[in-house]
Amino acid sequence: MLEYFVHLDASDPPADLVLAVAEVPDDLPREQIQASDLPVNWRDAAAPPELARIGDQFAQRREHCFLLLPSVLAPSENNCLINPAHPDYNKVVILEAEALSYDPRMFAKPRRLRGH
């Protein structure tokens, strides 16, 4: 969610966000990309075009159902792209879904701590 929210326009939040919990079989094909395989500027605020190409190629190849990539905000964690065009995509089962909205405090200016 953090990866999404950092790009959200606080003055124009989407009204149709959904948080879904899914069951993902362990044997679905996945590809993992390490930070060392990404362009040196992969963490820049303006993402380099190479990152979009990586995602596009992943989707077009349809070899893997999932692509694991390091998170820009927490590089030791991964983001997971899901390819709905992959033949095994139908094995992903949505268990529950609920409406999701951001908390406006995420966009508030930081408050000074008392005594500082």
PDB file of N, CA and C in Angstrom:
ATOM      1  N   MET A   1       0.819  -1.187   0.000  1.00  0.00           N
ATOM      2  CA  MET A   1       0.000   0.000   0.000  1.00  0.00           C
ATOM      3  C   MET A   1       0.863   1.251   0.000  1.00  0.00           C
ATOM      4  N   LEU A   2       1.982   1.190   0.721  1.00  0.00           N
ATOM      5  CA  LEU A   2       2.839   2.374   0.764  1.00  0.00           C
ATOM      6  C   LEU A   2       3.303   2.780  -0.630  1.00  0.00           C
ATOM      7  N   GLU A   3       3.671   1.794  -1.445  1.00  0.00           N
ATOM      8  CA  GLU A   3       4.135   2.103  -2.802  1.00  0.00           C
ATOM      9  C   GLU A   3       3.058   2.843  -3.579  1.00  0.00           C
ATOM     10  N   TYR A   4       1.813   2.494  -3.358  1.00  0.00           N
ATOM     11  CA  TYR A   4       0.713   3.157  -4.055  1.00  0.00           C
ATOM     12  C   TYR A   4       0.461   4.544  -3.463  1.00  0.00           C
ATOM     13  N   PHE A   5       0.389   4.604  -2.140  1.00  0.00           N
ATOM     14  CA  PHE A   5       0.018   5.859  -1.492  1.00  0.00           C
ATOM     15  C   PHE A   5       1.034   6.977  -1.703  1.00  0.00           C
ATOM     16  N   VAL A   6       2.298   6.658  -1.883  1.00  0.00           N
ATOM     17  CA  VAL A   6       3.256   7.744  -2.086  1.00  0.00           C
ATOM     18  C   VAL A   6       3.018   8.455  -3.411  1.00  0.00           C
ATOM     19  N   HIS A   7       2.278   7.834  -4.311  1.00  0.00           N
ATOM     20  CA  HIS A   7       1.992   8.457  -5.612  1.00  0.00           C
ATOM     21  C   HIS A   7       0.585   9.034  -5.678  1.00  0.00           C
ATOM     22  N   LEU A   8      -0.149   8.944  -4.599  1.00  0.00           N
ATOM     23  CA  LEU A   8      -1.527   9.412  -4.564  1.00  0.00           C
ATOM     24  C   LEU A   8      -1.580  10.926  -4.447  1.00  0.00           C
ATOM     25  N   ASP A   9      -2.454  11.532  -5.208  1.00  0.00           N
ATOM     26  CA  ASP A   9      -2.687  12.975  -5.126  1.00  0.00           C
ATOM     27  C   ASP A   9      -3.685  13.205  -3.992  1.00  0.00           C
ATOM     28  N   ALA A  10      -3.233  13.819  -2.923  1.00  0.00           N
ATOM     29  CA  ALA A  10      -4.072  14.009  -1.733  1.00  0.00           C
ATOM     30  C   ALA A  10      -5.336  14.798  -2.040  1.00  0.00           C
ATOM     31  N   SER A  11      -5.299  15.650  -3.059  1.00  0.00           N
ATOM     32  CA  SER A  11      -6.467  16.460  -3.379  1.00  0.00           C
ATOM     33  C   SER A  11      -7.447  15.727  -4.303  1.00  0.00           C
ATOM     34  N   ASP A  12      -7.071  14.545  -4.783  1.00  0.00           N
ATOM     35  CA  ASP A  12      -7.933  13.808  -5.700  1.00  0.00           C
ATOM     36  C   ASP A  12      -7.844  12.305  -5.431  1.00  0.00           C
ATOM     37  N   PRO A  13      -8.226  11.869  -4.239  1.00  0.00           N
ATOM     38  CA  PRO A  13      -8.095  10.442  -3.916  1.00  0.00           C
ATOM     39  C   PRO A  13      -9.117   9.597  -4.681  1.00  0.00           C
ATOM     40  N   PRO A  14      -8.719   8.412  -5.112  1.00  0.00           N
ATOM     41  CA  PRO A  14      -9.680   7.532  -5.793  1.00  0.00           C
ATOM     42  C   PRO A  14     -10.717   7.011  -4.805  1.00  0.00           C
ATOM     43  N   ALA A  15     -11.930   6.838  -5.278  1.00  0.00           N
ATOM     44  CA  ALA A  15     -13.015   6.386  -4.413  1.00  0.00           C
ATOM     45  C   ALA A  15     -13.235   4.880  -4.507  1.00  0.00           C
ATOM     46  N   ASP A  16     -12.475   4.206  -5.356  1.00  0.00           N
ATOM     47  CA  ASP A  16     -12.767   2.804  -5.625  1.00  0.00           C
ATOM     48  C   ASP A  16     -11.635   1.854  -5.231  1.00  0.00           C
ATOM     49  N   LEU A  17     -10.851   2.204  -4.215  1.00  0.00           N
ATOM     50  CA  LEU A  17      -9.775   1.319  -3.781  1.00  0.00           C
ATOM     51  C   LEU A  17     -10.336   0.110  -3.050  1.00  0.00           C
ATOM     52  N   VAL A  18      -9.697  -1.034  -3.259  1.00  0.00           N
ATOM     53  CA  VAL A  18     -10.114  -2.273  -2.610  1.00  0.00           C
ATOM     54  C   VAL A  18      -8.873  -2.969  -2.078  1.00  0.00           C
ATOM     55  N   LEU A  19      -8.971  -3.491  -0.877  1.00  0.00           N
ATOM     56  CA  LEU A  19      -7.924  -4.320  -0.295  1.00  0.00           C
ATOM     57  C   LEU A  19      -8.421  -5.756  -0.370  1.00  0.00           C
ATOM     58  N   ALA A  20      -7.641  -6.603  -1.031  1.00  0.00           N
ATOM     59  CA  ALA A  20      -8.050  -7.995  -1.207  1.00  0.00           C
ATOM     60  C   ALA A  20      -7.037  -8.920  -0.549  1.00  0.00           C
ATOM     61  N   VAL A  21      -7.540  -9.947   0.103  1.00  0.00           N
ATOM     62  CA  VAL A  21      -6.714 -11.009   0.665  1.00  0.00           C
ATOM     63  C   VAL A  21      -6.895 -12.211  -0.251  1.00  0.00           C
ATOM     64  N   ALA A  22      -5.780 -12.773  -0.695  1.00  0.00           N
ATOM     65  CA  ALA A  22      -5.852 -13.872  -1.654  1.00  0.00           C
ATOM     66  C   ALA A  22      -5.072 -15.081  -1.161  1.00  0.00           C
ATOM     67  N   GLU A  23      -5.508 -16.234  -1.600  1.00  0.00           N
ATOM     68  CA  GLU A  23      -4.776 -17.469  -1.371  1.00  0.00           C
ATOM     69  C   GLU A  23      -3.996 -17.765  -2.646  1.00  0.00           C
ATOM     70  N   VAL A  24      -2.679 -17.896  -2.492  1.00  0.00           N
ATOM     71  CA  VAL A  24      -1.805 -18.093  -3.640  1.00  0.00           C
ATOM     72  C   VAL A  24      -1.072 -19.426  -3.482  1.00  0.00           C
ATOM     73  N   PRO A  25      -1.327 -20.389  -4.359  1.00  0.00           N
ATOM     74  CA  PRO A  25      -0.612 -21.666  -4.263  1.00  0.00           C
ATOM     75  C   PRO A  25       0.905 -21.465  -4.389  1.00  0.00           C
ATOM     76  N   ASP A  26       1.662 -22.184  -3.589  1.00  0.00           N
ATOM     77  CA  ASP A  26       3.118 -22.060  -3.586  1.00  0.00           C
ATOM     78  C   ASP A  26       3.759 -22.466  -4.902  1.00  0.00           C
ATOM     79  N   ASP A  27       3.091 -23.305  -5.677  1.00  0.00           N
ATOM     80  CA  ASP A  27       3.713 -23.821  -6.896  1.00  0.00           C
ATOM     81  C   ASP A  27       3.469 -22.968  -8.145  1.00  0.00           C
ATOM     82  N   LEU A  28       2.812 -21.823  -8.003  1.00  0.00           N
ATOM     83  CA  LEU A  28       2.618 -20.968  -9.179  1.00  0.00           C
ATOM     84  C   LEU A  28       3.954 -20.377  -9.607  1.00  0.00           C
ATOM     85  N   PRO A  29       4.202 -20.329 -10.920  1.00  0.00           N
ATOM     86  CA  PRO A  29       5.504 -19.841 -11.396  1.00  0.00           C
ATOM     87  C   PRO A  29       5.712 -18.369 -11.080  1.00  0.00           C
ATOM     88  N   ARG A  30       6.884 -18.065 -10.563  1.00  0.00           N
ATOM     89  CA  ARG A  30       7.205 -16.677 -10.213  1.00  0.00           C
ATOM     90  C   ARG A  30       8.632 -16.369 -10.625  1.00  0.00           C
ATOM     91  N   GLU A  31       8.848 -15.121 -10.899  1.00  0.00           N
ATOM     92  CA  GLU A  31      10.174 -14.602 -11.244  1.00  0.00           C
ATOM     93  C   GLU A  31      10.535 -13.575 -10.187  1.00  0.00           C
ATOM     94  N   GLN A  32      11.787 -13.569  -9.778  1.00  0.00           N
ATOM     95  CA  GLN A  32      12.217 -12.576  -8.796  1.00  0.00           C
ATOM     96  C   GLN A  32      13.363 -11.781  -9.372  1.00  0.00           C
ATOM     97  N   ILE A  33      13.261 -10.476  -9.241  1.00  0.00           N
ATOM     98  CA  ILE A  33      14.311  -9.573  -9.697  1.00  0.00           C
ATOM     99  C   ILE A  33      14.953  -8.949  -8.473  1.00  0.00           C
ATOM    100  N   GLN A  34      16.264  -9.005  -8.424  1.00  0.00           N
ATOM    101  CA  GLN A  34      17.021  -8.421  -7.314  1.00  0.00           C
ATOM    102  C   GLN A  34      17.318  -6.946  -7.606  1.00  0.00           C
ATOM    103  N   ALA A  35      17.556  -6.182  -6.564  1.00  0.00           N
ATOM    104  CA  ALA A  35      17.897  -4.763  -6.734  1.00  0.00           C
ATOM    105  C   ALA A  35      19.119  -4.603  -7.623  1.00  0.00           C
ATOM    106  N   SER A  36      20.053  -5.532  -7.535  1.00  0.00           N
ATOM    107  CA  SER A  36      21.273  -5.443  -8.353  1.00  0.00           C
ATOM    108  C   SER A  36      20.992  -5.631  -9.843  1.00  0.00           C
ATOM    109  N   ASP A  37      19.816  -6.169 -10.190  1.00  0.00           N
ATOM    110  CA  ASP A  37      19.431  -6.354 -11.589  1.00  0.00           C
ATOM    111  C   ASP A  37      18.691  -5.149 -12.159  1.00  0.00           C
ATOM    112  N   LEU A  38      18.404  -4.176 -11.319  1.00  0.00           N
ATOM    113  CA  LEU A  38      17.644  -2.992 -11.736  1.00  0.00           C
ATOM    114  C   LEU A  38      18.585  -1.852 -12.098  1.00  0.00           C
ATOM    115  N   PRO A  39      18.091  -0.857 -12.840  1.00  0.00           N
ATOM    116  CA  PRO A  39      18.930   0.309 -13.146  1.00  0.00           C
ATOM    117  C   PRO A  39      19.400   0.980 -11.854  1.00  0.00           C
ATOM    118  N   VAL A  40      20.557   1.630 -11.892  1.00  0.00           N
ATOM    119  CA  VAL A  40      21.106   2.246 -10.680  1.00  0.00           C
ATOM    120  C   VAL A  40      20.163   3.290 -10.091  1.00  0.00           C
ATOM    121  N   ASN A  41      19.329   3.893 -10.910  1.00  0.00           N
ATOM    122  CA  ASN A  41      18.413   4.939 -10.436  1.00  0.00           C
ATOM    123  C   ASN A  41      16.994   4.409 -10.203  1.00  0.00           C
ATOM    124  N   TRP A  42      16.855   3.122  -9.922  1.00  0.00           N
ATOM    125  CA  TRP A  42      15.533   2.526  -9.793  1.00  0.00           C
ATOM    126  C   TRP A  42      14.729   3.089  -8.630  1.00  0.00           C
ATOM    127  N   ARG A  43      15.382   3.694  -7.650  1.00  0.00           N
ATOM    128  CA  ARG A  43      14.672   4.236  -6.484  1.00  0.00           C
ATOM    129  C   ARG A  43      14.347   5.727  -6.626  1.00  0.00           C
ATOM    130  N   ASP A  44      14.674   6.328  -7.766  1.00  0.00           N
ATOM    131  CA  ASP A  44      14.370   7.749  -7.973  1.00  0.00           C
ATOM    132  C   ASP A  44      12.859   7.980  -7.936  1.00  0.00           C
ATOM    133  N   ALA A  45      12.460   9.171  -7.487  1.00  0.00           N
ATOM    134  CA  ALA A  45      11.033   9.509  -7.411  1.00  0.00           C
ATOM    135  C   ALA A  45      10.374   9.427  -8.784  1.00  0.00           C
ATOM    136  N   ALA A  46      11.077   9.864  -9.807  1.00  0.00           N
ATOM    137  CA  ALA A  46      10.591   9.699 -11.183  1.00  0.00           C
ATOM    138  C   ALA A  46      11.192   8.393 -11.698  1.00  0.00           C
ATOM    139  N   ALA A  47      10.389   7.359 -11.685  1.00  0.00           N
ATOM    140  CA  ALA A  47      10.883   6.020 -12.048  1.00  0.00           C
ATOM    141  C   ALA A  47      11.459   6.012 -13.458  1.00  0.00           C
ATOM    142  N   PRO A  48      12.613   5.379 -13.631  1.00  0.00           N
ATOM    143  CA  PRO A  48      13.191   5.300 -14.971  1.00  0.00           C
ATOM    144  C   PRO A  48      12.328   4.428 -15.885  1.00  0.00           C
ATOM    145  N   PRO A  49      12.273   4.733 -17.176  1.00  0.00           N
ATOM    146  CA  PRO A  49      11.433   3.979 -18.116  1.00  0.00           C
ATOM    147  C   PRO A  49      11.766   2.491 -18.170  1.00  0.00           C
ATOM    148  N   GLU A  50      12.993   2.131 -17.815  1.00  0.00           N
ATOM    149  CA  GLU A  50      13.373   0.713 -17.834  1.00  0.00           C
ATOM    150  C   GLU A  50      12.491  -0.125 -16.908  1.00  0.00           C
ATOM    151  N   LEU A  51      12.019   0.485 -15.822  1.00  0.00           N
ATOM    152  CA  LEU A  51      11.177  -0.261 -14.887  1.00  0.00           C
ATOM    153  C   LEU A  51       9.842  -0.641 -15.536  1.00  0.00           C
ATOM    154  N   ALA A  52       9.266   0.280 -16.276  1.00  0.00           N
ATOM    155  CA  ALA A  52       8.016  -0.028 -16.982  1.00  0.00           C
ATOM    156  C   ALA A  52       8.251  -1.118 -18.018  1.00  0.00           C
ATOM    157  N   ARG A  53       9.393  -1.077 -18.679  1.00  0.00           N
ATOM    158  CA  ARG A  53       9.703  -2.111 -19.683  1.00  0.00           C
ATOM    159  C   ARG A  53       9.816  -3.488 -19.024  1.00  0.00           C
ATOM    160  N   ILE A  54      10.410  -3.544 -17.839  1.00  0.00           N
ATOM    161  CA  ILE A  54      10.517  -4.824 -17.125  1.00  0.00           C
ATOM    162  C   ILE A  54       9.119  -5.385 -16.868  1.00  0.00           C
ATOM    163  N   GLY A  55       8.218  -4.555 -16.383  1.00  0.00           N
ATOM    164  CA  GLY A  55       6.846  -4.991 -16.122  1.00  0.00           C
ATOM    165  C   GLY A  55       6.113  -5.382 -17.398  1.00  0.00           C
ATOM    166  N   ASP A  56       6.283  -4.595 -18.445  1.00  0.00           N
ATOM    167  CA  ASP A  56       5.631  -4.901 -19.723  1.00  0.00           C
ATOM    168  C   ASP A  56       6.120  -6.233 -20.285  1.00  0.00           C
ATOM    169  N   GLN A  57       7.430  -6.454 -20.247  1.00  0.00           N
ATOM    170  CA  GLN A  57       7.988  -7.705 -20.761  1.00  0.00           C
ATOM    171  C   GLN A  57       7.511  -8.900 -19.939  1.00  0.00           C
ATOM    172  N   PHE A  58       7.442  -8.740 -18.636  1.00  0.00           N
ATOM    173  CA  PHE A  58       6.933  -9.799 -17.761  1.00  0.00           C
ATOM    174  C   PHE A  58       5.516 -10.181 -18.181  1.00  0.00           C
ATOM    175  N   ALA A  59       4.667  -9.189 -18.381  1.00  0.00           N
ATOM    176  CA  ALA A  59       3.270  -9.454 -18.743  1.00  0.00           C
ATOM    177  C   ALA A  59       3.163 -10.075 -20.129  1.00  0.00           C
ATOM    178  N   GLN A  60       3.934  -9.592 -21.068  1.00  0.00           N
ATOM    179  CA  GLN A  60       3.849 -10.088 -22.443  1.00  0.00           C
ATOM    180  C   GLN A  60       4.372 -11.518 -22.583  1.00  0.00           C
ATOM    181  N   ARG A  61       5.413 -11.858 -21.842  1.00  0.00           N
ATOM    182  CA  ARG A  61       5.981 -13.213 -21.935  1.00  0.00           C
ATOM    183  C   ARG A  61       5.032 -14.278 -21.405  1.00  0.00           C
ATOM    184  N   ARG A  62       4.256 -13.971 -20.383  1.00  0.00           N
ATOM    185  CA  ARG A  62       3.310 -14.900 -19.759  1.00  0.00           C
ATOM    186  C   ARG A  62       3.971 -16.187 -19.252  1.00  0.00           C
ATOM    187  N   GLU A  63       5.260 -16.119 -18.940  1.00  0.00           N
ATOM    188  CA  GLU A  63       5.975 -17.291 -18.419  1.00  0.00           C
ATOM    189  C   GLU A  63       5.720 -17.496 -16.929  1.00  0.00           C
ATOM    190  N   HIS A  64       5.511 -16.403 -16.222  1.00  0.00           N
ATOM    191  CA  HIS A  64       5.347 -16.446 -14.774  1.00  0.00           C
ATOM    192  C   HIS A  64       4.038 -15.767 -14.386  1.00  0.00           C
ATOM    193  N   CYS A  65       3.447 -16.265 -13.328  1.00  0.00           N
ATOM    194  CA  CYS A  65       2.219 -15.664 -12.821  1.00  0.00           C
ATOM    195  C   CYS A  65       2.527 -14.441 -11.946  1.00  0.00           C
ATOM    196  N   PHE A  66       3.710 -14.469 -11.292  1.00  0.00           N
ATOM    197  CA  PHE A  66       4.091 -13.391 -10.372  1.00  0.00           C
ATOM    198  C   PHE A  66       5.482 -12.879 -10.680  1.00  0.00           C
ATOM    199  N   LEU A  67       5.651 -11.593 -10.463  1.00  0.00           N
ATOM    200  CA  LEU A  67       6.967 -10.970 -10.559  1.00  0.00           C
ATOM    201  C   LEU A  67       7.226 -10.290  -9.222  1.00  0.00           C
ATOM    202  N   LEU A  68       8.280 -10.736  -8.539  1.00  0.00           N
ATOM    203  CA  LEU A  68       8.668 -10.144  -7.258  1.00  0.00           C
ATOM    204  C   LEU A  68       9.789  -9.151  -7.500  1.00  0.00           C
ATOM    205  N   LEU A  69       9.585  -7.940  -7.008  1.00  0.00           N
ATOM    206  CA  LEU A  69      10.543  -6.851  -7.180  1.00  0.00           C
ATOM    207  C   LEU A  69      10.794  -6.183  -5.842  1.00  0.00           C
ATOM    208  N   PRO A  70      11.994  -5.670  -5.623  1.00  0.00           N
ATOM    209  CA  PRO A  70      12.223  -4.970  -4.350  1.00  0.00           C
ATOM    210  C   PRO A  70      11.375  -3.700  -4.257  1.00  0.00           C
ATOM    211  N   SER A  71      10.917  -3.419  -3.064  1.00  0.00           N
ATOM    212  CA  SER A  71      10.155  -2.206  -2.800  1.00  0.00           C
ATOM    213  C   SER A  71      11.098  -1.005  -2.797  1.00  0.00           C
ATOM    214  N   VAL A  72      10.673   0.081  -3.396  1.00  0.00           N
ATOM    215  CA  VAL A  72      11.471   1.308  -3.381  1.00  0.00           C
ATOM    216  C   VAL A  72      11.567   1.839  -1.955  1.00  0.00           C
ATOM    217  N   LEU A  73      10.479   1.750  -1.207  1.00  0.00           N
ATOM    218  CA  LEU A  73      10.436   2.322   0.139  1.00  0.00           C
ATOM    219  C   LEU A  73      11.094   1.434   1.181  1.00  0.00           C
ATOM    220  N   ALA A  74      11.060   0.122   0.968  1.00  0.00           N
ATOM    221  CA  ALA A  74      11.665  -0.832   1.902  1.00  0.00           C
ATOM    222  C   ALA A  74      12.326  -1.923   1.064  1.00  0.00           C
ATOM    223  N   PRO A  75      13.539  -1.667   0.559  1.00  0.00           N
ATOM    224  CA  PRO A  75      14.177  -2.576  -0.402  1.00  0.00           C
ATOM    225  C   PRO A  75      14.368  -4.012   0.060  1.00  0.00           C
ATOM    226  N   SER A  76      14.313  -4.267   1.364  1.00  0.00           N
ATOM    227  CA  SER A  76      14.424  -5.654   1.823  1.00  0.00           C
ATOM    228  C   SER A  76      13.084  -6.390   1.703  1.00  0.00           C
ATOM    229  N   GLU A  77      12.027  -5.664   1.379  1.00  0.00           N
ATOM    230  CA  GLU A  77      10.698  -6.232   1.140  1.00  0.00           C
ATOM    231  C   GLU A  77      10.448  -6.288  -0.364  1.00  0.00           C
ATOM    232  N   ASN A  78       9.454  -7.071  -0.765  1.00  0.00           N
ATOM    233  CA  ASN A  78       9.128  -7.187  -2.184  1.00  0.00           C
ATOM    234  C   ASN A  78       7.727  -6.700  -2.487  1.00  0.00           C
ATOM    235  N   ASN A  79       7.573  -6.172  -3.684  1.00  0.00           N
ATOM    236  CA  ASN A  79       6.262  -5.947  -4.268  1.00  0.00           C
ATOM    237  C   ASN A  79       6.017  -7.121  -5.191  1.00  0.00           C
ATOM    238  N   CYS A  80       4.779  -7.445  -5.406  1.00  0.00           N
ATOM    239  CA  CYS A  80       4.433  -8.578  -6.257  1.00  0.00           C
ATOM    240  C   CYS A  80       3.479  -8.104  -7.345  1.00  0.00           C
ATOM    241  N   LEU A  81       3.901  -8.251  -8.587  1.00  0.00           N
ATOM    242  CA  LEU A  81       3.014  -7.994  -9.715  1.00  0.00           C
ATOM    243  C   LEU A  81       2.371  -9.314 -10.097  1.00  0.00           C
ATOM    244  N   ILE A  82       1.087  -9.275 -10.366  1.00  0.00           N
ATOM    245  CA  ILE A  82       0.352 -10.478 -10.757  1.00  0.00           C
ATOM    246  C   ILE A  82      -0.037 -10.322 -12.225  1.00  0.00           C
ATOM    247  N   ASN A  83       0.198 -11.371 -13.003  1.00  0.00           N
ATOM    248  CA  ASN A  83      -0.127 -11.332 -14.424  1.00  0.00           C
ATOM    249  C   ASN A  83      -1.459 -12.043 -14.663  1.00  0.00           C
ATOM    250  N   PRO A  84      -2.547 -11.289 -14.849  1.00  0.00           N
ATOM    251  CA  PRO A  84      -3.849 -11.922 -15.065  1.00  0.00           C
ATOM    252  C   PRO A  84      -3.949 -12.651 -16.407  1.00  0.00           C
ATOM    253  N   ALA A  85      -2.977 -12.442 -17.296  1.00  0.00           N
ATOM    254  CA  ALA A  85      -2.983 -13.137 -18.586  1.00  0.00           C
ATOM    255  C   ALA A  85      -2.292 -14.504 -18.503  1.00  0.00           C
ATOM    256  N   HIS A  86      -1.677 -14.809 -17.359  1.00  0.00           N
ATOM    257  CA  HIS A  86      -0.993 -16.091 -17.216  1.00  0.00           C
ATOM    258  C   HIS A  86      -2.033 -17.210 -17.075  1.00  0.00           C
ATOM    259  N   PRO A  87      -1.782 -18.382 -17.690  1.00  0.00           N
ATOM    260  CA  PRO A  87      -2.764 -19.474 -17.624  1.00  0.00           C
ATOM    261  C   PRO A  87      -3.114 -19.943 -16.212  1.00  0.00           C
ATOM    262  N   ASP A  88      -2.208 -19.777 -15.241  1.00  0.00           N
ATOM    263  CA  ASP A  88      -2.480 -20.221 -13.871  1.00  0.00           C
ATOM    264  C   ASP A  88      -3.103 -19.139 -12.991  1.00  0.00           C
ATOM    265  N   TYR A  89      -3.369 -17.988 -13.555  1.00  0.00           N
ATOM    266  CA  TYR A  89      -3.927 -16.888 -12.771  1.00  0.00           C
ATOM    267  C   TYR A  89      -5.223 -17.312 -12.061  1.00  0.00           C
ATOM    268  N   ASN A  90      -6.011 -18.169 -12.701  1.00  0.00           N
ATOM    269  CA  ASN A  90      -7.289 -18.576 -12.111  1.00  0.00           C
ATOM    270  C   ASN A  90      -7.116 -19.418 -10.846  1.00  0.00           C
ATOM    271  N   LYS A  91      -5.891 -19.822 -10.524  1.00  0.00           N
ATOM    272  CA  LYS A  91      -5.628 -20.567  -9.296  1.00  0.00           C
ATOM    273  C   LYS A  91      -5.474 -19.644  -8.085  1.00  0.00           C
ATOM    274  N   VAL A  92      -5.372 -18.344  -8.329  1.00  0.00           N
ATOM    275  CA  VAL A  92      -5.331 -17.364  -7.249  1.00  0.00           C
ATOM    276  C   VAL A  92      -6.773 -17.147  -6.795  1.00  0.00           C
ATOM    277  N   VAL A  93      -7.021 -17.368  -5.515  1.00  0.00           N
ATOM    278  CA  VAL A  93      -8.388 -17.285  -4.996  1.00  0.00           C
ATOM    279  C   VAL A  93      -8.498 -16.080  -4.071  1.00  0.00           C
ATOM    280  N   ILE A  94      -9.398 -15.172  -4.405  1.00  0.00           N
ATOM    281  CA  ILE A  94      -9.667 -14.023  -3.544  1.00  0.00           C
ATOM    282  C   ILE A  94     -10.536 -14.505  -2.379  1.00  0.00           C
ATOM    283  N   LEU A  95     -10.022 -14.382  -1.171  1.00  0.00           N
ATOM    284  CA  LEU A  95     -10.741 -14.845   0.021  1.00  0.00           C
ATOM    285  C   LEU A  95     -11.681 -13.790   0.566  1.00  0.00           C
ATOM    286  N   GLU A  96     -11.222 -12.551   0.544  1.00  0.00           N
ATOM    287  CA  GLU A  96     -12.057 -11.457   1.039  1.00  0.00           C
ATOM    288  C   GLU A  96     -11.575 -10.158   0.413  1.00  0.00           C
ATOM    289  N   ALA A  97     -12.493  -9.239   0.283  1.00  0.00           N
ATOM    290  CA  ALA A  97     -12.169  -7.921  -0.249  1.00  0.00           C
ATOM    291  C   ALA A  97     -12.967  -6.886   0.532  1.00  0.00           C
ATOM    292  N   GLU A  98     -12.341  -5.764   0.761  1.00  0.00           N
ATOM    293  CA  GLU A  98     -13.025  -4.698   1.487  1.00  0.00           C
ATOM    294  C   GLU A  98     -12.610  -3.354   0.919  1.00  0.00           C
ATOM    295  N   ALA A  99     -13.495  -2.394   1.025  1.00  0.00           N
ATOM    296  CA  ALA A  99     -13.184  -1.046   0.565  1.00  0.00           C
ATOM    297  C   ALA A  99     -12.003  -0.498   1.355  1.00  0.00           C
ATOM    298  N   LEU A 100     -11.167   0.246   0.695  1.00  0.00           N
ATOM    299  CA  LEU A 100      -9.981   0.809   1.327  1.00  0.00           C
ATOM    300  C   LEU A 100      -9.939   2.299   1.030  1.00  0.00           C
ATOM    301  N   SER A 101      -9.679   3.071   2.049  1.00  0.00           N
ATOM    302  CA  SER A 101      -9.512   4.506   1.834  1.00  0.00           C
ATOM    303  C   SER A 101      -8.282   4.955   2.600  1.00  0.00           C
ATOM    304  N   TYR A 102      -7.656   5.986   2.097  1.00  0.00           N
ATOM    305  CA  TYR A 102      -6.470   6.480   2.791  1.00  0.00           C
ATOM    306  C   TYR A 102      -6.906   7.341   3.964  1.00  0.00           C
ATOM    307  N   ASP A 103      -6.051   7.481   4.910  1.00  0.00           N
ATOM    308  CA  ASP A 103      -6.298   8.321   6.063  1.00  0.00           C
ATOM    309  C   ASP A 103      -5.674   9.683   5.762  1.00  0.00           C
ATOM    310  N   PRO A 104      -6.445  10.753   5.814  1.00  0.00           N
ATOM    311  CA  PRO A 104      -5.909  12.087   5.492  1.00  0.00           C
ATOM    312  C   PRO A 104      -4.698  12.483   6.329  1.00  0.00           C
ATOM    313  N   ARG A 105      -4.522  11.860   7.496  1.00  0.00           N
ATOM    314  CA  ARG A 105      -3.357  12.177   8.319  1.00  0.00           C
ATOM    315  C   ARG A 105      -2.061  11.799   7.618  1.00  0.00           C
ATOM    316  N   MET A 106      -2.146  10.904   6.624  1.00  0.00           N
ATOM    317  CA  MET A 106      -0.951  10.522   5.880  1.00  0.00           C
ATOM    318  C   MET A 106      -0.370  11.733   5.136  1.00  0.00           C
ATOM    319  N   PHE A 107      -1.217  12.708   4.861  1.00  0.00           N
ATOM    320  CA  PHE A 107      -0.784  13.864   4.087  1.00  0.00           C
ATOM    321  C   PHE A 107      -0.602  15.111   4.944  1.00  0.00           C
ATOM    322  N   ALA A 108      -0.781  14.986   6.241  1.00  0.00           N
ATOM    323  CA  ALA A 108      -0.640  16.126   7.138  1.00  0.00           C
ATOM    324  C   ALA A 108       0.834  16.484   7.291  1.00  0.00           C
ATOM    325  N   LYS A 109       1.065  17.741   7.562  1.00  0.00           N
ATOM    326  CA  LYS A 109       2.436  18.175   7.834  1.00  0.00           C
ATOM    327  C   LYS A 109       2.863  17.588   9.167  1.00  0.00           C
ATOM    328  N   PRO A 110       4.119  17.183   9.284  1.00  0.00           N
ATOM    329  CA  PRO A 110       4.582  16.597  10.546  1.00  0.00           C
ATOM    330  C   PRO A 110       4.432  17.586  11.699  1.00  0.00           C
ATOM    331  N   ARG A 111       3.993  17.070  12.832  1.00  0.00           N
ATOM    332  CA  ARG A 111       3.880  17.906  14.032  1.00  0.00           C
ATOM    333  C   ARG A 111       5.181  17.828  14.793  1.00  0.00           C
ATOM    334  N   ARG A 112       5.516  18.912  15.441  1.00  0.00           N
ATOM    335  CA  ARG A 112       6.708  18.913  16.287  1.00  0.00           C
ATOM    336  C   ARG A 112       6.382  18.207  17.578  1.00  0.00           C
ATOM    337  N   LEU A 113       7.319  17.436  18.050  1.00  0.00           N
ATOM    338  CA  LEU A 113       7.148  16.757  19.340  1.00  0.00           C
ATOM    339  C   LEU A 113       7.328  17.756  20.458  1.00  0.00           C
ATOM    340  N   ARG A 114       6.632  17.538  21.545  1.00  0.00           N
ATOM    341  CA  ARG A 114       6.752  18.433  22.694  1.00  0.00           C
ATOM    342  C   ARG A 114       8.183  18.423  23.214  1.00  0.00           C
ATOM    343  N   GLY A 115       8.662  19.594  23.558  1.00  0.00           N
ATOM    344  CA  GLY A 115      10.001  19.712  24.111  1.00  0.00           C
ATOM    345  C   GLY A 115      11.087  19.758  23.035  1.00  0.00           C
ATOM    346  N   HIS A 116      10.688  19.794  21.772  1.00  0.00           N
ATOM    347  CA  HIS A 116      11.687  19.830  20.680  1.00  0.00           C
ATOM    348  C   HIS A 116      11.541  21.074  19.870  1.00  0.00           C
TER     349      HIS A 116
END
